[in-house]
Amino acid sequence: MSVAKSVNGFLINQAKDGQWWVDSASGENIAGPFPTEALAIEVASVLELEHPTVKRRGKDNT
């Protein structure tokens, strides 16, 4: 297994079986398995992170 690479906020990891996965920073599998690291990197480069909605501050906070 190799060291995880970070691409576009996602981690590229190789599983024990040699397949490649795109994981979140928390370790959740997002996409995969892929036969090559290059393919996993290509997929991760087009994924978008989903961020929680921003909470409003101030008197309009509902």
C-alpha atoms as a PDB file:
ATOM      1  CA  MET A   1       0.000   0.000   0.000  1.00  0.00           C
ATOM      2  CA  SER A   2       1.147   3.511  -0.699  1.00  0.00           C
ATOM      3  CA  VAL A   3       0.752   6.803   1.113  1.00  0.00           C
ATOM      4  CA  ALA A   4      -2.555   8.546   0.405  1.00  0.00           C
ATOM      5  CA  LYS A   5      -2.449  11.481  -2.015  1.00  0.00           C
ATOM      6  CA  SER A   6      -4.701  14.501  -1.618  1.00  0.00           C
ATOM      7  CA  VAL A   7      -6.507  15.647  -4.768  1.00  0.00           C
ATOM      8  CA  ASN A   8      -9.157  18.369  -4.724  1.00  0.00           C
ATOM      9  CA  GLY A   9      -9.800  17.760  -1.010  1.00  0.00           C
ATOM     10  CA  PHE A  10     -10.174  13.994  -1.429  1.00  0.00           C
ATOM     11  CA  LEU A  11      -7.695  11.250  -0.545  1.00  0.00           C
ATOM     12  CA  ILE A  12      -6.523   8.669  -3.066  1.00  0.00           C
ATOM     13  CA  ASN A  13      -5.820   5.357  -1.317  1.00  0.00           C
ATOM     14  CA  GLN A  14      -4.781   1.934  -2.503  1.00  0.00           C
ATOM     15  CA  ALA A  15      -6.612  -0.980  -0.884  1.00  0.00           C
ATOM     16  CA  LYS A  16      -4.908  -4.242   0.068  1.00  0.00           C
ATOM     17  CA  ASP A  17      -6.267  -5.869  -3.098  1.00  0.00           C
ATOM     18  CA  GLY A  18      -4.453  -3.315  -5.281  1.00  0.00           C
ATOM     19  CA  GLN A  19      -7.573  -1.344  -6.241  1.00  0.00           C
ATOM     20  CA  TRP A  20      -7.674   2.442  -5.834  1.00  0.00           C
ATOM     21  CA  TRP A  21     -10.343   4.408  -3.957  1.00  0.00           C
ATOM     22  CA  VAL A  22     -11.335   8.061  -3.616  1.00  0.00           C
ATOM     23  CA  ASP A  23     -11.987   8.745   0.081  1.00  0.00           C
ATOM     24  CA  SER A  24     -13.142  11.741   2.076  1.00  0.00           C
ATOM     25  CA  ALA A  25     -10.819  13.338   4.625  1.00  0.00           C
ATOM     26  CA  SER A  26     -12.690  11.398   7.317  1.00  0.00           C
ATOM     27  CA  GLY A  27     -11.928   8.089   5.562  1.00  0.00           C
ATOM     28  CA  GLU A  28     -15.333   7.439   3.983  1.00  0.00           C
ATOM     29  CA  ASN A  29     -15.216   5.742   0.567  1.00  0.00           C
ATOM     30  CA  ILE A  30     -16.578   8.190  -2.017  1.00  0.00           C
ATOM     31  CA  ALA A  31     -15.853   6.427  -5.310  1.00  0.00           C
ATOM     32  CA  GLY A  32     -14.146   3.295  -6.513  1.00  0.00           C
ATOM     33  CA  PRO A  33     -12.655   0.869  -6.860  1.00  0.00           C
ATOM     34  CA  PHE A  34     -10.484   1.890  -9.799  1.00  0.00           C
ATOM     35  CA  PRO A  35      -7.832  -0.257 -11.484  1.00  0.00           C
ATOM     36  CA  THR A  36      -5.236   2.531 -11.590  1.00  0.00           C
ATOM     37  CA  GLU A  37      -4.190   5.450  -9.427  1.00  0.00           C
ATOM     38  CA  ALA A  38      -4.379   7.771 -12.442  1.00  0.00           C
ATOM     39  CA  LEU A  39      -8.052   6.955 -12.947  1.00  0.00           C
ATOM     40  CA  ALA A  40      -8.853   7.587  -9.267  1.00  0.00           C
ATOM     41  CA  ILE A  41      -7.014  10.925  -9.451  1.00  0.00           C
ATOM     42  CA  GLU A  42      -8.958  11.900 -12.566  1.00  0.00           C
ATOM     43  CA  VAL A  43     -12.272  11.173 -10.845  1.00  0.00           C
ATOM     44  CA  ALA A  44     -11.274  13.036  -7.668  1.00  0.00           C
ATOM     45  CA  SER A  45     -10.254  16.069  -9.699  1.00  0.00           C
ATOM     46  CA  VAL A  46     -13.819  16.579 -10.957  1.00  0.00           C
ATOM     47  CA  LEU A  47     -15.664  15.820  -7.704  1.00  0.00           C
ATOM     48  CA  GLU A  48     -16.930  18.718  -5.611  1.00  0.00           C
ATOM     49  CA  LEU A  49     -16.890  18.781  -1.837  1.00  0.00           C
ATOM     50  CA  GLU A  50     -20.260  19.255  -0.182  1.00  0.00           C
ATOM     51  CA  HIS A  51     -19.995  21.704   2.665  1.00  0.00           C
ATOM     52  CA  PRO A  52     -22.679  22.264   5.280  1.00  0.00           C
ATOM     53  CA  THR A  53     -24.750  25.386   4.785  1.00  0.00           C
ATOM     54  CA  VAL A  54     -23.355  28.512   6.355  1.00  0.00           C
ATOM     55  CA  LYS A  55     -25.278  29.655   9.406  1.00  0.00           C
ATOM     56  CA  ARG A  56     -26.251  33.300   9.478  1.00  0.00           C
ATOM     57  CA  ARG A  57     -25.115  35.498  12.293  1.00  0.00           C
ATOM     58  CA  GLY A  58     -26.773  38.534  13.747  1.00  0.00           C
ATOM     59  CA  LYS A  59     -30.338  39.590  14.462  1.00  0.00           C
ATOM     60  CA  ASP A  60     -31.727  37.878  11.314  1.00  0.00           C
ATOM     61  CA  ASN A  61     -30.615  34.461  12.572  1.00  0.00           C
ATOM     62  CA  THR A  62     -33.592  32.136  12.183  1.00  0.00           C
END
